[in-house]
Every structure is written in structure tokens, then in C-alpha cells.
Amino acid sequence: RFKIMAIQKNDFIEIEFTGKNEEGKVFDSNIVEGLKQIEGADIKNAKPFIFSIGHDMFLKGIDNFLIGKEVGKNYIINLEAKDAFGPRDPKSIQLMPIKVFHAQKVNPIPGAMFNFDGKIAKVISVNGGRVMVDFNNPLAGKDITYEVKVVRKIDDIKEKVEAFSEFLFRKKMNIEVKDKKIILKVEEMLLQFAPMFKDKYKEVLGLDLEVVLDKKGGDTENNPKETTENVRTE
């Protein structure tokens, strides 16, 4: 009798997903139909998402739900805030002097989103010379729903390595897999940084990592455009 293999921890799977908030509004997706419902989203960003179960590559609540489930099926996953983006933290709401914004020639208005040295914050109010900003994730404290289709399980080791590397470095990497070792070819600026992930590669993929200089010049893809204004806080 044909036996259906259940998804287990450490498995690499490809999924299609669409995340919705409590009001049913789409906030996250990797498919065209979902991205069309997100204001400002580019449908060119629709692409397969491959990740390893149990290694914090996606929301932990989704990780936990998918263990024991079947490949090829669709699932609706309702997540409470604690299993999604966590509770709201009052300490993440801060008052900042308006001169921080003016120094960067930007005008803070309620509802505006800014990037403070890598942290996204929303302006709540502006009173005189002080601006109240909220560093909480916009979905913190909210229940959410994900519609997930498990497309396939990944067995090819190189495809696993490529997916994991793209997750870590946020771009496609030049990779070779041979003799139970990963050879990661990087541009000079990553030569010192990339080896810091040796233990993580070993944990997730069970392979040793060797980092070498990519003599062809490495990846040439453009960095993604910033969607929020940058405000430096120094």
C-alpha cells in the first residue's frame, strides 16, 4: 500500500502562501494573486519559497503546524498573536526629538513609516518638538491567518543549499557541493562575514562549509529598493 510521507523537522519544503490580518486584508504573499492585493507590491516578486522546518526560516507557528502534514495539500493556519508576530511591547513606543527627523530633511507626520538604522517605526503623533514613534511590528498583538499550499518536498542537496544560502544572504549565491562539503564563492566584502555561518550550515544541512573568493566578481543583482525613508539616529 502506498504510504504518504508526513513532513518532519529538518525537511526542506516549497510552499505557496498568503497571509491575512484579522480583517482579511492580505499583508504577505509569494504568489501573484496575493501580491496583487498588497498595496505597492510588485508581482515580479512572486517566486517559490523554500525553507527547512524547525530552523526559524518562517513563522514558528507555521513551522509547528506543518509537522506531520502532507505534501500537495492546502492548509488554512490560524495563528494567535503569540505564535505569529508576538505581543505588543509598550517599551517599543518611544518619544524622539523632532530635530532627528529634520536633520535628515524629512517631515514626520502621523502614519508615516521610517527606517531607523534598520528598524522600521511608525509615527503615532507629533507634539511640538517631540515625535512619538512605534517600533512594534504592525502585526504585533494581532491574530493572523495563513493560507499555505505545500507544493513539494526538496530532496536535491544543491537546491537545499541554494535556498538556505539565499535565506541567509538575501540574494542568490555562487555555490558548489562536493565531497559532503559546501563551497561558497563570495565577493571580497563577504569573505570574513560568511564563515560565521559554518555552524548553522552544519546544523541545518549536515555539511561543512568552505568559503572562497569568487574570482568572477560574485553576484551582480541590484539590492532591493528601500520602501521607507531612512533616518539615522547618531
C-alpha atoms as a PDB file:
ATOM      1  CA  ARG A   1       0.000   0.000   0.000  1.00  0.00           C
ATOM      2  CA  PHE A   2       1.286   3.476  -0.915  1.00  0.00           C
ATOM      3  CA  LYS A   3       2.405   5.344   2.176  1.00  0.00           C
ATOM      4  CA  ILE A   4       2.143   9.135   2.346  1.00  0.00           C
ATOM      5  CA  MET A   5       5.268  10.652   3.884  1.00  0.00           C
ATOM      6  CA  ALA A   6       4.478  13.251   6.518  1.00  0.00           C
ATOM      7  CA  ILE A   7       6.522  16.448   6.813  1.00  0.00           C
ATOM      8  CA  GLN A   8       9.135  16.223   9.560  1.00  0.00           C
ATOM      9  CA  LYS A   9      11.533  18.588  11.293  1.00  0.00           C
ATOM     10  CA  ASN A  10      14.611  19.374   9.134  1.00  0.00           C
ATOM     11  CA  ASP A  11      12.698  18.656   5.890  1.00  0.00           C
ATOM     12  CA  PHE A  12      13.043  21.274   3.155  1.00  0.00           C
ATOM     13  CA  ILE A  13       9.714  22.082   1.524  1.00  0.00           C
ATOM     14  CA  GLU A  14       8.440  24.538  -1.084  1.00  0.00           C
ATOM     15  CA  ILE A  15       5.255  26.388  -0.235  1.00  0.00           C
ATOM     16  CA  GLU A  16       2.888  28.935  -1.724  1.00  0.00           C
ATOM     17  CA  PHE A  17       1.488  31.229   0.962  1.00  0.00           C
ATOM     18  CA  THR A  18      -0.778  34.202   1.582  1.00  0.00           C
ATOM     19  CA  GLY A  19      -1.029  35.881   4.980  1.00  0.00           C
ATOM     20  CA  LYS A  20      -4.097  37.865   6.065  1.00  0.00           C
ATOM     21  CA  ASN A  21      -4.786  40.022   9.108  1.00  0.00           C
ATOM     22  CA  GLU A  22      -7.883  39.863  11.305  1.00  0.00           C
ATOM     23  CA  GLU A  23      -9.843  41.971   8.826  1.00  0.00           C
ATOM     24  CA  GLY A  24      -8.967  39.606   5.964  1.00  0.00           C
ATOM     25  CA  LYS A  25      -6.543  42.050   4.323  1.00  0.00           C
ATOM     26  CA  VAL A  26      -3.521  40.436   2.649  1.00  0.00           C
ATOM     27  CA  PHE A  27      -0.169  41.565   4.122  1.00  0.00           C
ATOM     28  CA  ASP A  28       2.195  38.845   2.888  1.00  0.00           C
ATOM     29  CA  SER A  29       2.327  36.500  -0.104  1.00  0.00           C
ATOM     30  CA  ASN A  30       4.659  34.823  -2.593  1.00  0.00           C
ATOM     31  CA  ILE A  31       2.072  34.273  -5.330  1.00  0.00           C
ATOM     32  CA  VAL A  32       0.721  36.693  -7.956  1.00  0.00           C
ATOM     33  CA  GLU A  33      -2.895  36.548  -6.740  1.00  0.00           C
ATOM     34  CA  GLY A  34      -1.823  37.502  -3.218  1.00  0.00           C
ATOM     35  CA  LEU A  35       0.677  40.197  -4.190  1.00  0.00           C
ATOM     36  CA  LYS A  36      -1.973  41.925  -6.320  1.00  0.00           C
ATOM     37  CA  GLN A  37      -3.907  42.577  -3.099  1.00  0.00           C
ATOM     38  CA  ILE A  38      -0.987  44.270  -1.317  1.00  0.00           C
ATOM     39  CA  GLU A  39      -0.714  47.987  -1.996  1.00  0.00           C
ATOM     40  CA  GLY A  40       2.608  48.824  -3.631  1.00  0.00           C
ATOM     41  CA  ALA A  41       3.696  45.198  -4.016  1.00  0.00           C
ATOM     42  CA  ASP A  42       5.417  44.112  -7.215  1.00  0.00           C
ATOM     43  CA  ILE A  43       4.039  40.919  -8.754  1.00  0.00           C
ATOM     44  CA  LYS A  44       7.550  40.290 -10.107  1.00  0.00           C
ATOM     45  CA  ASN A  45       8.413  39.303  -6.517  1.00  0.00           C
ATOM     46  CA  ALA A  46       6.197  36.219  -6.823  1.00  0.00           C
ATOM     47  CA  LYS A  47       8.568  33.268  -6.537  1.00  0.00           C
ATOM     48  CA  PRO A  48       8.812  29.868  -4.815  1.00  0.00           C
ATOM     49  CA  PHE A  49       9.659  29.904  -1.114  1.00  0.00           C
ATOM     50  CA  ILE A  50      11.772  27.002   0.100  1.00  0.00           C
ATOM     51  CA  PHE A  51      12.635  26.588   3.774  1.00  0.00           C
ATOM     52  CA  SER A  52      13.645  23.991   6.337  1.00  0.00           C
ATOM     53  CA  ILE A  53      11.138  23.034   9.023  1.00  0.00           C
ATOM     54  CA  GLY A  54      12.237  23.889  12.568  1.00  0.00           C
ATOM     55  CA  HIS A  55      15.036  26.381  11.855  1.00  0.00           C
ATOM     56  CA  ASP A  56      13.337  29.781  12.237  1.00  0.00           C
ATOM     57  CA  MET A  57      13.184  30.376   8.491  1.00  0.00           C
ATOM     58  CA  PHE A  58       9.445  31.129   8.690  1.00  0.00           C
ATOM     59  CA  LEU A  59       6.958  31.867  11.471  1.00  0.00           C
ATOM     60  CA  LYS A  60       7.336  29.339  14.283  1.00  0.00           C
ATOM     61  CA  GLY A  61       3.566  28.815  14.423  1.00  0.00           C
ATOM     62  CA  ILE A  62       3.552  27.712  10.782  1.00  0.00           C
ATOM     63  CA  ASP A  63       6.610  25.512  11.351  1.00  0.00           C
ATOM     64  CA  ASN A  64       4.859  23.722  14.212  1.00  0.00           C
ATOM     65  CA  PHE A  65       1.591  23.334  12.285  1.00  0.00           C
ATOM     66  CA  LEU A  66       3.206  21.762   9.215  1.00  0.00           C
ATOM     67  CA  ILE A  67       4.996  18.981  11.102  1.00  0.00           C
ATOM     68  CA  GLY A  68       3.068  15.784  10.353  1.00  0.00           C
ATOM     69  CA  LYS A  69       1.131  17.316   7.445  1.00  0.00           C
ATOM     70  CA  GLU A  70       1.173  16.089   3.835  1.00  0.00           C
ATOM     71  CA  VAL A  71       2.852  17.379   0.689  1.00  0.00           C
ATOM     72  CA  GLY A  72       0.477  18.522  -2.071  1.00  0.00           C
ATOM     73  CA  LYS A  73      -2.272  19.729   0.247  1.00  0.00           C
ATOM     74  CA  ASN A  74      -3.698  23.155   1.096  1.00  0.00           C
ATOM     75  CA  TYR A  75      -3.975  24.307   4.698  1.00  0.00           C
ATOM     76  CA  ILE A  76      -5.564  27.263   6.471  1.00  0.00           C
ATOM     77  CA  ILE A  77      -3.471  28.113   9.534  1.00  0.00           C
ATOM     78  CA  ASN A  78      -4.963  30.408  12.179  1.00  0.00           C
ATOM     79  CA  LEU A  79      -2.275  31.860  14.439  1.00  0.00           C
ATOM     80  CA  GLU A  80      -2.761  33.696  17.703  1.00  0.00           C
ATOM     81  CA  ALA A  81      -0.521  36.714  18.202  1.00  0.00           C
ATOM     82  CA  LYS A  82       1.895  34.801  20.457  1.00  0.00           C
ATOM     83  CA  ASP A  83       2.565  32.295  17.665  1.00  0.00           C
ATOM     84  CA  ALA A  84       2.755  34.971  14.959  1.00  0.00           C
ATOM     85  CA  PHE A  85       4.487  38.337  15.495  1.00  0.00           C
ATOM     86  CA  GLY A  86       4.292  38.322  19.287  1.00  0.00           C
ATOM     87  CA  PRO A  87       2.535  40.665  21.719  1.00  0.00           C
ATOM     88  CA  ARG A  88       2.831  44.439  21.523  1.00  0.00           C
ATOM     89  CA  ASP A  89       5.619  45.815  23.712  1.00  0.00           C
ATOM     90  CA  PRO A  90       4.871  49.193  25.353  1.00  0.00           C
ATOM     91  CA  LYS A  91       8.637  49.791  25.637  1.00  0.00           C
ATOM     92  CA  SER A  92       8.820  49.860  21.832  1.00  0.00           C
ATOM     93  CA  ILE A  93       6.823  53.123  21.779  1.00  0.00           C
ATOM     94  CA  GLN A  94       9.296  55.962  22.199  1.00  0.00           C
ATOM     95  CA  LEU A  95       9.472  59.755  22.160  1.00  0.00           C
ATOM     96  CA  MET A  96      12.106  61.246  19.872  1.00  0.00           C
ATOM     97  CA  PRO A  97      13.161  64.861  19.291  1.00  0.00           C
ATOM     98  CA  ILE A  98      11.840  66.222  16.011  1.00  0.00           C
ATOM     99  CA  LYS A  99      15.340  67.509  15.182  1.00  0.00           C
ATOM    100  CA  VAL A 100      16.361  63.885  14.467  1.00  0.00           C
ATOM    101  CA  PHE A 101      13.960  63.946  11.515  1.00  0.00           C
ATOM    102  CA  HIS A 102      14.715  67.498  10.434  1.00  0.00           C
ATOM    103  CA  ALA A 103      18.443  66.721  10.364  1.00  0.00           C
ATOM    104  CA  GLN A 104      17.653  64.220   7.592  1.00  0.00           C
ATOM    105  CA  LYS A 105      15.363  66.729   5.850  1.00  0.00           C
ATOM    106  CA  VAL A 106      12.223  64.639   6.419  1.00  0.00           C
ATOM    107  CA  ASN A 107       8.931  65.738   7.922  1.00  0.00           C
ATOM    108  CA  PRO A 108       7.323  63.310  10.412  1.00  0.00           C
ATOM    109  CA  ILE A 109       3.553  63.086  10.080  1.00  0.00           C
ATOM    110  CA  PRO A 110       1.249  60.590  11.847  1.00  0.00           C
ATOM    111  CA  GLY A 111       1.105  57.317   9.930  1.00  0.00           C
ATOM    112  CA  ALA A 112       4.451  57.797   8.168  1.00  0.00           C
ATOM    113  CA  MET A 113       6.910  54.886   8.272  1.00  0.00           C
ATOM    114  CA  PHE A 114      10.643  55.424   8.736  1.00  0.00           C
ATOM    115  CA  ASN A 115      13.732  53.227   8.828  1.00  0.00           C
ATOM    116  CA  PHE A 116      15.855  53.931  11.908  1.00  0.00           C
ATOM    117  CA  ASP A 117      19.162  52.167  11.293  1.00  0.00           C
ATOM    118  CA  GLY A 118      17.412  49.014  10.121  1.00  0.00           C
ATOM    119  CA  LYS A 119      14.395  49.203  12.459  1.00  0.00           C
ATOM    120  CA  ILE A 120      11.045  50.174  10.961  1.00  0.00           C
ATOM    121  CA  ALA A 121       8.933  52.565  13.039  1.00  0.00           C
ATOM    122  CA  LYS A 122       5.571  54.260  12.562  1.00  0.00           C
ATOM    123  CA  VAL A 123       4.907  57.848  13.629  1.00  0.00           C
ATOM    124  CA  ILE A 124       1.962  57.929  16.049  1.00  0.00           C
ATOM    125  CA  SER A 125       1.816  61.630  16.908  1.00  0.00           C
ATOM    126  CA  VAL A 126       3.775  64.889  16.639  1.00  0.00           C
ATOM    127  CA  ASN A 127       3.547  67.385  19.504  1.00  0.00           C
ATOM    128  CA  GLY A 128       5.752  70.452  19.434  1.00  0.00           C
ATOM    129  CA  GLY A 129       9.352  69.318  19.326  1.00  0.00           C
ATOM    130  CA  ARG A 130       8.673  65.672  20.127  1.00  0.00           C
ATOM    131  CA  VAL A 131       7.582  62.771  17.957  1.00  0.00           C
ATOM    132  CA  MET A 132       6.040  59.567  19.318  1.00  0.00           C
ATOM    133  CA  VAL A 133       7.125  56.549  17.273  1.00  0.00           C
ATOM    134  CA  ASP A 134       6.133  52.880  17.488  1.00  0.00           C
ATOM    135  CA  PHE A 135       8.819  50.261  16.788  1.00  0.00           C
ATOM    136  CA  ASN A 136       6.398  47.340  17.240  1.00  0.00           C
ATOM    137  CA  ASN A 137       5.744  45.196  14.197  1.00  0.00           C
ATOM    138  CA  PRO A 138       2.439  46.472  12.722  1.00  0.00           C
ATOM    139  CA  LEU A 139       1.027  42.956  13.268  1.00  0.00           C
ATOM    140  CA  ALA A 140       2.265  42.572  16.848  1.00  0.00           C
ATOM    141  CA  GLY A 141      -0.596  41.669  19.180  1.00  0.00           C
ATOM    142  CA  LYS A 142      -2.830  40.579  16.308  1.00  0.00           C
ATOM    143  CA  ASP A 143      -4.147  37.175  15.283  1.00  0.00           C
ATOM    144  CA  ILE A 144      -3.416  36.291  11.647  1.00  0.00           C
ATOM    145  CA  THR A 145      -4.276  33.605   9.105  1.00  0.00           C
ATOM    146  CA  TYR A 146      -2.027  31.982   6.513  1.00  0.00           C
ATOM    147  CA  GLU A 147      -3.286  30.014   3.529  1.00  0.00           C
ATOM    148  CA  VAL A 148      -0.495  27.574   2.673  1.00  0.00           C
ATOM    149  CA  LYS A 149      -0.089  25.067  -0.140  1.00  0.00           C
ATOM    150  CA  VAL A 150       2.739  22.573   0.343  1.00  0.00           C
ATOM    151  CA  VAL A 151       3.967  22.259  -3.243  1.00  0.00           C
ATOM    152  CA  ARG A 152       6.747  19.684  -2.816  1.00  0.00           C
ATOM    153  CA  LYS A 153       9.459  18.299  -0.606  1.00  0.00           C
ATOM    154  CA  ILE A 154      13.024  19.110  -1.664  1.00  0.00           C
ATOM    155  CA  ASP A 155      15.431  16.165  -1.920  1.00  0.00           C
ATOM    156  CA  ASP A 156      18.212  17.648  -4.080  1.00  0.00           C
ATOM    157  CA  ILE A 157      21.043  18.738  -1.772  1.00  0.00           C
ATOM    158  CA  LYS A 158      22.208  21.591  -4.003  1.00  0.00           C
ATOM    159  CA  GLU A 159      18.696  23.041  -4.140  1.00  0.00           C
ATOM    160  CA  LYS A 160      18.562  22.890  -0.342  1.00  0.00           C
ATOM    161  CA  VAL A 161      21.928  24.645  -0.040  1.00  0.00           C
ATOM    162  CA  GLU A 162      20.904  27.334  -2.541  1.00  0.00           C
ATOM    163  CA  ALA A 163      17.624  28.008  -0.726  1.00  0.00           C
ATOM    164  CA  PHE A 164      19.297  28.192   2.694  1.00  0.00           C
ATOM    165  CA  SER A 165      22.070  30.452   1.390  1.00  0.00           C
ATOM    166  CA  GLU A 166      19.577  32.815  -0.218  1.00  0.00           C
ATOM    167  CA  PHE A 167      17.706  32.972   3.094  1.00  0.00           C
ATOM    168  CA  LEU A 168      20.902  33.902   4.980  1.00  0.00           C
ATOM    169  CA  PHE A 169      22.359  36.389   2.500  1.00  0.00           C
ATOM    170  CA  ARG A 170      19.124  37.659   0.883  1.00  0.00           C
ATOM    171  CA  LYS A 171      20.419  37.001  -2.631  1.00  0.00           C
ATOM    172  CA  LYS A 172      21.438  34.146  -4.895  1.00  0.00           C
ATOM    173  CA  MET A 173      24.903  32.827  -4.099  1.00  0.00           C
ATOM    174  CA  ASN A 174      27.542  31.018  -6.160  1.00  0.00           C
ATOM    175  CA  ILE A 175      27.624  27.502  -4.670  1.00  0.00           C
ATOM    176  CA  GLU A 176      29.252  24.162  -5.304  1.00  0.00           C
ATOM    177  CA  VAL A 177      28.534  20.971  -3.346  1.00  0.00           C
ATOM    178  CA  LYS A 178      31.084  18.147  -3.418  1.00  0.00           C
ATOM    179  CA  ASP A 179      32.516  15.535  -1.055  1.00  0.00           C
ATOM    180  CA  LYS A 180      29.933  16.361   1.647  1.00  0.00           C
ATOM    181  CA  LYS A 181      31.187  19.936   1.672  1.00  0.00           C
ATOM    182  CA  ILE A 182      29.662  23.243   0.593  1.00  0.00           C
ATOM    183  CA  ILE A 183      31.975  25.589  -1.288  1.00  0.00           C
ATOM    184  CA  LEU A 184      30.543  29.092  -1.075  1.00  0.00           C
ATOM    185  CA  LYS A 185      32.079  31.535  -3.558  1.00  0.00           C
ATOM    186  CA  VAL A 186      31.675  35.112  -2.366  1.00  0.00           C
ATOM    187  CA  GLU A 187      32.782  38.631  -3.220  1.00  0.00           C
ATOM    188  CA  GLU A 188      35.563  40.112  -1.108  1.00  0.00           C
ATOM    189  CA  MET A 189      33.244  42.033   1.214  1.00  0.00           C
ATOM    190  CA  LEU A 190      31.688  38.738   2.429  1.00  0.00           C
ATOM    191  CA  LEU A 191      34.962  36.829   2.808  1.00  0.00           C
ATOM    192  CA  GLN A 192      35.212  37.498   6.558  1.00  0.00           C
ATOM    193  CA  PHE A 193      31.464  37.503   7.251  1.00  0.00           C
ATOM    194  CA  ALA A 194      30.271  34.316   5.540  1.00  0.00           C
ATOM    195  CA  PRO A 195      32.336  31.836   7.649  1.00  0.00           C
ATOM    196  CA  MET A 196      30.345  32.943  10.719  1.00  0.00           C
ATOM    197  CA  PHE A 197      27.522  30.699   9.435  1.00  0.00           C
ATOM    198  CA  LYS A 198      29.592  27.481   9.431  1.00  0.00           C
ATOM    199  CA  ASP A 199      27.811  26.068  12.489  1.00  0.00           C
ATOM    200  CA  LYS A 200      24.400  26.953  11.055  1.00  0.00           C
ATOM    201  CA  TYR A 201      25.137  25.184   7.747  1.00  0.00           C
ATOM    202  CA  LYS A 202      26.269  22.133   9.718  1.00  0.00           C
ATOM    203  CA  GLU A 203      23.146  22.174  11.901  1.00  0.00           C
ATOM    204  CA  VAL A 204      20.624  22.590   9.072  1.00  0.00           C
ATOM    205  CA  LEU A 205      22.308  20.674   6.237  1.00  0.00           C
ATOM    206  CA  GLY A 206      24.839  18.416   7.960  1.00  0.00           C
ATOM    207  CA  LEU A 207      27.616  19.669   5.691  1.00  0.00           C
ATOM    208  CA  ASP A 208      30.880  21.519   6.269  1.00  0.00           C
ATOM    209  CA  LEU A 209      31.294  24.992   4.790  1.00  0.00           C
ATOM    210  CA  GLU A 210      34.298  26.343   2.931  1.00  0.00           C
ATOM    211  CA  VAL A 211      34.255  29.998   1.883  1.00  0.00           C
ATOM    212  CA  VAL A 212      36.402  31.090  -1.048  1.00  0.00           C
ATOM    213  CA  LEU A 213      36.788  34.260  -3.078  1.00  0.00           C
ATOM    214  CA  ASP A 214      34.650  34.345  -6.209  1.00  0.00           C
ATOM    215  CA  LYS A 215      37.131  35.423  -8.866  1.00  0.00           C
ATOM    216  CA  LYS A 216      34.306  36.196 -11.310  1.00  0.00           C
ATOM    217  CA  GLY A 217      33.175  39.063  -9.123  1.00  0.00           C
ATOM    218  CA  GLY A 218      30.245  37.411  -7.344  1.00  0.00           C
ATOM    219  CA  ASP A 219      26.607  38.283  -7.552  1.00  0.00           C
ATOM    220  CA  THR A 220      25.674  41.321  -9.615  1.00  0.00           C
ATOM    221  CA  GLU A 221      21.996  41.618  -8.723  1.00  0.00           C
ATOM    222  CA  ASN A 222      20.833  45.004  -7.586  1.00  0.00           C
ATOM    223  CA  ASN A 223      19.929  45.391  -3.942  1.00  0.00           C
ATOM    224  CA  PRO A 224      16.195  45.685  -3.263  1.00  0.00           C
ATOM    225  CA  LYS A 225      14.895  49.244  -3.136  1.00  0.00           C
ATOM    226  CA  GLU A 226      14.122  50.783   0.221  1.00  0.00           C
ATOM    227  CA  THR A 227      10.386  51.143   0.765  1.00  0.00           C
ATOM    228  CA  THR A 228      10.757  53.514   3.709  1.00  0.00           C
ATOM    229  CA  GLU A 229      12.756  56.658   4.308  1.00  0.00           C
ATOM    230  CA  ASN A 230      15.996  56.261   6.224  1.00  0.00           C
ATOM    231  CA  VAL A 231      16.596  58.245   9.382  1.00  0.00           C
ATOM    232  CA  ARG A 232      19.927  57.837  11.113  1.00  0.00           C
ATOM    233  CA  THR A 233      19.887  58.230  14.884  1.00  0.00           C
ATOM    234  CA  GLU A 234      23.522  59.018  15.608  1.00  0.00           C
END
